[in-house]
Amino acid sequence: MASYLVNTTFLAAPEAEAEFLDWMKSRYIPEVNGSDVWHSPLFNRIMSETGADGKSYALQMQTDSLESARLWYETGGAALIQEMTDHFGENVLFFITEMEVIE
């Protein structure tokens, strides 16, 4: 059976970083943990320098069904991302990468 990793990389502006981390821990990650789509979520600080002003973070979530993951993003995930965008605006930017686990 295939396994997939969905990585969301975030860039938080210095003035929003502390509040963003609190929001991720109190709002976003609990939603992920409450879903039956995801397992083994990991929230990481990216240590390599990006040259951008701010700190980068990555949320990695595993799933057995890419279709279920995409459906989650279209429903609950989209609402969370909209909530984040409404609250933080351009102080938190992100992109999502879907990967198939090889080994």
N, C-alpha and C. Protein backbone atom coordinates (compact mmCIF):
# COMPACT_ATOMS: atom_id res chain seq x y z
N MET A 1 0.85 -1.18 0.00
CA MET A 1 0.00 0.00 0.00
C MET A 1 0.89 1.24 0.00
N ALA A 2 0.55 2.20 -0.79
CA ALA A 2 1.31 3.43 -0.89
C ALA A 2 1.09 4.30 0.35
N SER A 3 2.10 5.07 0.66
CA SER A 3 2.03 6.04 1.75
C SER A 3 2.50 7.38 1.19
N TYR A 4 1.91 8.44 1.71
CA TYR A 4 2.22 9.77 1.20
C TYR A 4 2.56 10.70 2.34
N LEU A 5 3.38 11.67 2.04
CA LEU A 5 3.76 12.70 2.98
C LEU A 5 3.36 14.04 2.37
N VAL A 6 2.59 14.80 3.11
CA VAL A 6 2.21 16.14 2.66
C VAL A 6 2.93 17.13 3.56
N ASN A 7 3.74 17.96 2.95
CA ASN A 7 4.55 18.94 3.66
C ASN A 7 4.03 20.34 3.36
N THR A 8 3.75 21.09 4.40
CA THR A 8 3.41 22.50 4.24
C THR A 8 4.54 23.31 4.85
N THR A 9 5.18 24.12 4.02
CA THR A 9 6.26 24.97 4.47
C THR A 9 5.71 26.38 4.68
N PHE A 10 6.05 26.96 5.83
CA PHE A 10 5.58 28.29 6.20
C PHE A 10 6.77 29.22 6.38
N LEU A 11 6.58 30.48 6.06
CA LEU A 11 7.54 31.53 6.36
C LEU A 11 6.80 32.56 7.21
N ALA A 12 7.24 32.71 8.46
CA ALA A 12 6.59 33.64 9.39
C ALA A 12 7.46 34.87 9.58
N ALA A 13 6.88 36.04 9.36
CA ALA A 13 7.59 37.30 9.59
C ALA A 13 7.93 37.42 11.07
N PRO A 14 9.04 38.09 11.40
CA PRO A 14 9.45 38.20 12.81
C PRO A 14 8.35 38.72 13.73
N GLU A 15 7.58 39.68 13.28
CA GLU A 15 6.54 40.27 14.13
C GLU A 15 5.35 39.33 14.35
N ALA A 16 5.24 38.28 13.55
CA ALA A 16 4.12 37.34 13.67
C ALA A 16 4.54 35.97 14.17
N GLU A 17 5.83 35.74 14.32
CA GLU A 17 6.33 34.39 14.59
C GLU A 17 5.76 33.78 15.88
N ALA A 18 5.82 34.47 16.99
CA ALA A 18 5.35 33.91 18.26
C ALA A 18 3.86 33.57 18.21
N GLU A 19 3.08 34.49 17.66
CA GLU A 19 1.64 34.25 17.56
C GLU A 19 1.33 33.12 16.58
N PHE A 20 2.08 33.05 15.49
CA PHE A 20 1.91 31.98 14.52
C PHE A 20 2.18 30.62 15.16
N LEU A 21 3.27 30.50 15.92
CA LEU A 21 3.59 29.24 16.58
C LEU A 21 2.48 28.84 17.55
N ASP A 22 1.97 29.79 18.30
CA ASP A 22 0.86 29.51 19.22
C ASP A 22 -0.37 29.04 18.44
N TRP A 23 -0.66 29.71 17.31
CA TRP A 23 -1.82 29.35 16.50
C TRP A 23 -1.67 27.94 15.93
N MET A 24 -0.48 27.62 15.45
CA MET A 24 -0.25 26.27 14.90
C MET A 24 -0.47 25.22 15.98
N LYS A 25 0.05 25.46 17.18
CA LYS A 25 -0.04 24.48 18.26
C LYS A 25 -1.45 24.38 18.85
N SER A 26 -2.18 25.48 18.87
CA SER A 26 -3.49 25.47 19.50
C SER A 26 -4.65 25.26 18.52
N ARG A 27 -4.43 25.53 17.23
CA ARG A 27 -5.52 25.48 16.27
C ARG A 27 -5.27 24.48 15.13
N TYR A 28 -4.19 24.69 14.37
CA TYR A 28 -3.97 23.89 13.16
C TYR A 28 -3.64 22.44 13.48
N ILE A 29 -2.63 22.22 14.31
CA ILE A 29 -2.19 20.86 14.61
C ILE A 29 -3.28 20.04 15.30
N PRO A 30 -4.04 20.60 16.25
CA PRO A 30 -5.15 19.82 16.81
C PRO A 30 -6.19 19.41 15.76
N GLU A 31 -6.44 20.24 14.76
CA GLU A 31 -7.35 19.86 13.67
C GLU A 31 -6.80 18.68 12.88
N VAL A 32 -5.50 18.72 12.61
CA VAL A 32 -4.85 17.61 11.91
C VAL A 32 -4.96 16.33 12.74
N ASN A 33 -4.65 16.44 14.03
CA ASN A 33 -4.71 15.27 14.91
C ASN A 33 -6.12 14.73 15.07
N GLY A 34 -7.13 15.58 14.92
CA GLY A 34 -8.51 15.16 15.05
C GLY A 34 -9.09 14.53 13.80
N SER A 35 -8.34 14.55 12.73
CA SER A 35 -8.80 13.99 11.46
C SER A 35 -8.36 12.53 11.34
N ASP A 36 -9.17 11.73 10.70
CA ASP A 36 -8.77 10.34 10.46
C ASP A 36 -7.96 10.18 9.17
N VAL A 37 -7.66 11.30 8.52
CA VAL A 37 -6.88 11.27 7.27
C VAL A 37 -5.38 11.20 7.55
N TRP A 38 -4.94 11.88 8.59
CA TRP A 38 -3.51 12.07 8.84
C TRP A 38 -3.04 11.21 10.00
N HIS A 39 -1.76 10.84 9.95
CA HIS A 39 -1.10 10.24 11.10
C HIS A 39 0.35 10.70 11.13
N SER A 40 0.92 10.68 12.30
CA SER A 40 2.33 11.03 12.53
C SER A 40 2.68 12.45 12.09
N PRO A 41 1.90 13.48 12.47
CA PRO A 41 2.28 14.84 12.09
C PRO A 41 3.54 15.27 12.84
N LEU A 42 4.41 15.97 12.13
CA LEU A 42 5.63 16.53 12.70
C LEU A 42 5.69 18.02 12.35
N PHE A 43 5.90 18.86 13.35
CA PHE A 43 6.04 20.30 13.13
C PHE A 43 7.50 20.64 13.40
N ASN A 44 8.16 21.22 12.40
CA ASN A 44 9.61 21.41 12.44
C ASN A 44 9.99 22.85 12.15
N ARG A 45 11.08 23.28 12.78
CA ARG A 45 11.70 24.56 12.41
C ARG A 45 12.77 24.23 11.37
N ILE A 46 12.78 24.95 10.26
CA ILE A 46 13.77 24.74 9.21
C ILE A 46 15.03 25.51 9.60
N MET A 47 16.13 24.78 9.68
CA MET A 47 17.37 25.36 10.18
C MET A 47 18.21 26.05 9.10
N SER A 48 18.06 25.65 7.85
CA SER A 48 18.87 26.26 6.79
C SER A 48 18.39 27.69 6.54
N GLU A 49 19.31 28.54 6.19
CA GLU A 49 19.01 29.94 5.91
C GLU A 49 18.32 30.07 4.56
N THR A 50 17.25 30.85 4.52
CA THR A 50 16.54 31.04 3.26
C THR A 50 16.85 32.39 2.63
N GLY A 51 17.44 33.28 3.39
CA GLY A 51 17.69 34.63 2.89
C GLY A 51 16.49 35.54 3.05
N ALA A 52 15.35 34.97 3.41
CA ALA A 52 14.13 35.76 3.60
C ALA A 52 14.09 36.27 5.04
N ASP A 53 13.38 37.35 5.24
CA ASP A 53 13.21 37.91 6.58
C ASP A 53 12.13 37.10 7.29
N GLY A 54 12.51 36.39 8.33
CA GLY A 54 11.57 35.57 9.07
C GLY A 54 12.11 34.18 9.26
N LYS A 55 11.32 33.36 9.93
CA LYS A 55 11.71 31.97 10.20
C LYS A 55 10.81 31.04 9.40
N SER A 56 11.39 29.93 8.96
CA SER A 56 10.65 28.94 8.19
C SER A 56 10.34 27.72 9.05
N TYR A 57 9.16 27.17 8.81
CA TYR A 57 8.68 26.00 9.53
C TYR A 57 8.06 25.04 8.52
N ALA A 58 8.03 23.76 8.89
CA ALA A 58 7.40 22.76 8.03
C ALA A 58 6.51 21.86 8.88
N LEU A 59 5.30 21.63 8.41
CA LEU A 59 4.40 20.66 9.01
C LEU A 59 4.31 19.49 8.05
N GLN A 60 4.77 18.32 8.50
CA GLN A 60 4.74 17.12 7.69
C GLN A 60 3.69 16.17 8.25
N MET A 61 2.83 15.70 7.37
CA MET A 61 1.74 14.82 7.78
C MET A 61 1.71 13.62 6.84
N GLN A 62 1.58 12.43 7.40
CA GLN A 62 1.50 11.22 6.60
C GLN A 62 0.05 10.81 6.39
N THR A 63 -0.18 10.19 5.25
CA THR A 63 -1.51 9.66 4.93
C THR A 63 -1.36 8.43 4.04
N ASP A 64 -2.34 7.57 4.10
CA ASP A 64 -2.36 6.40 3.23
C ASP A 64 -3.15 6.65 1.95
N SER A 65 -3.86 7.78 1.91
CA SER A 65 -4.71 8.08 0.75
C SER A 65 -4.52 9.53 0.31
N LEU A 66 -3.90 9.69 -0.82
CA LEU A 66 -3.70 11.03 -1.36
C LEU A 66 -5.04 11.67 -1.71
N GLU A 67 -5.99 10.86 -2.15
CA GLU A 67 -7.32 11.38 -2.48
C GLU A 67 -8.00 11.93 -1.23
N SER A 68 -7.92 11.20 -0.12
CA SER A 68 -8.50 11.67 1.15
C SER A 68 -7.81 12.94 1.62
N ALA A 69 -6.49 13.00 1.44
CA ALA A 69 -5.74 14.20 1.83
C ALA A 69 -6.19 15.41 1.02
N ARG A 70 -6.34 15.22 -0.28
CA ARG A 70 -6.80 16.33 -1.13
C ARG A 70 -8.21 16.75 -0.76
N LEU A 71 -9.08 15.81 -0.45
CA LEU A 71 -10.43 16.14 -0.01
C LEU A 71 -10.40 16.91 1.31
N TRP A 72 -9.53 16.52 2.24
CA TRP A 72 -9.39 17.23 3.51
C TRP A 72 -8.98 18.68 3.25
N TYR A 73 -8.02 18.87 2.35
CA TYR A 73 -7.58 20.24 2.03
C TYR A 73 -8.69 21.05 1.38
N GLU A 74 -9.55 20.42 0.61
CA GLU A 74 -10.65 21.14 -0.04
C GLU A 74 -11.74 21.52 0.96
N THR A 75 -11.82 20.82 2.06
CA THR A 75 -12.88 21.07 3.05
C THR A 75 -12.27 21.71 4.30
N GLY A 76 -11.96 20.92 5.31
CA GLY A 76 -11.44 21.45 6.57
C GLY A 76 -10.12 22.17 6.44
N GLY A 77 -9.23 21.64 5.65
CA GLY A 77 -7.92 22.28 5.46
C GLY A 77 -8.03 23.65 4.82
N ALA A 78 -8.91 23.78 3.85
CA ALA A 78 -9.10 25.08 3.19
C ALA A 78 -9.61 26.13 4.18
N ALA A 79 -10.51 25.71 5.08
CA ALA A 79 -11.03 26.65 6.08
C ALA A 79 -9.93 27.08 7.04
N LEU A 80 -9.06 26.16 7.43
CA LEU A 80 -7.94 26.51 8.31
C LEU A 80 -6.97 27.46 7.63
N ILE A 81 -6.67 27.16 6.38
CA ILE A 81 -5.75 28.03 5.64
C ILE A 81 -6.35 29.41 5.45
N GLN A 82 -7.64 29.48 5.19
CA GLN A 82 -8.31 30.78 5.06
C GLN A 82 -8.28 31.54 6.38
N GLU A 83 -8.51 30.82 7.47
CA GLU A 83 -8.44 31.43 8.80
C GLU A 83 -7.04 32.01 9.05
N MET A 84 -6.02 31.24 8.70
CA MET A 84 -4.64 31.70 8.87
C MET A 84 -4.37 32.93 8.00
N THR A 85 -4.80 32.88 6.76
CA THR A 85 -4.59 34.00 5.84
C THR A 85 -5.32 35.24 6.32
N ASP A 86 -6.55 35.08 6.77
CA ASP A 86 -7.32 36.22 7.28
C ASP A 86 -6.64 36.84 8.50
N HIS A 87 -6.10 36.00 9.35
CA HIS A 87 -5.51 36.49 10.60
C HIS A 87 -4.11 37.08 10.40
N PHE A 88 -3.26 36.39 9.63
CA PHE A 88 -1.86 36.80 9.52
C PHE A 88 -1.55 37.56 8.23
N GLY A 89 -2.41 37.49 7.24
CA GLY A 89 -2.15 38.18 5.98
C GLY A 89 -0.83 37.74 5.37
N GLU A 90 -0.06 38.68 4.92
CA GLU A 90 1.23 38.39 4.28
C GLU A 90 2.35 38.16 5.29
N ASN A 91 2.03 38.19 6.58
CA ASN A 91 3.04 37.90 7.60
C ASN A 91 3.34 36.42 7.72
N VAL A 92 2.49 35.57 7.15
CA VAL A 92 2.76 34.13 7.09
C VAL A 92 2.44 33.66 5.68
N LEU A 93 3.46 33.18 5.00
CA LEU A 93 3.31 32.65 3.64
C LEU A 93 3.52 31.14 3.71
N PHE A 94 3.01 30.41 2.73
CA PHE A 94 3.13 28.95 2.77
C PHE A 94 3.05 28.37 1.36
N PHE A 95 3.52 27.13 1.24
CA PHE A 95 3.27 26.32 0.05
C PHE A 95 3.20 24.87 0.48
N ILE A 96 2.47 24.07 -0.29
CA ILE A 96 2.22 22.67 0.03
C ILE A 96 2.88 21.78 -1.01
N THR A 97 3.55 20.72 -0.53
CA THR A 97 4.20 19.75 -1.40
C THR A 97 3.68 18.36 -1.06
N GLU A 98 3.21 17.64 -2.06
CA GLU A 98 2.76 16.25 -1.89
C GLU A 98 3.88 15.32 -2.35
N MET A 99 4.18 14.31 -1.52
CA MET A 99 5.26 13.37 -1.85
C MET A 99 4.80 11.95 -1.62
N GLU A 100 5.30 11.03 -2.44
CA GLU A 100 5.06 9.62 -2.22
C GLU A 100 6.26 9.05 -1.47
N VAL A 101 6.01 8.31 -0.40
CA VAL A 101 7.08 7.69 0.38
C VAL A 101 7.60 6.49 -0.41
N ILE A 102 8.88 6.46 -0.65
CA ILE A 102 9.50 5.37 -1.39
C ILE A 102 9.92 4.25 -0.44
N GLU A 103 10.55 4.59 0.65
CA GLU A 103 10.99 3.60 1.65
C GLU A 103 10.72 4.11 3.02
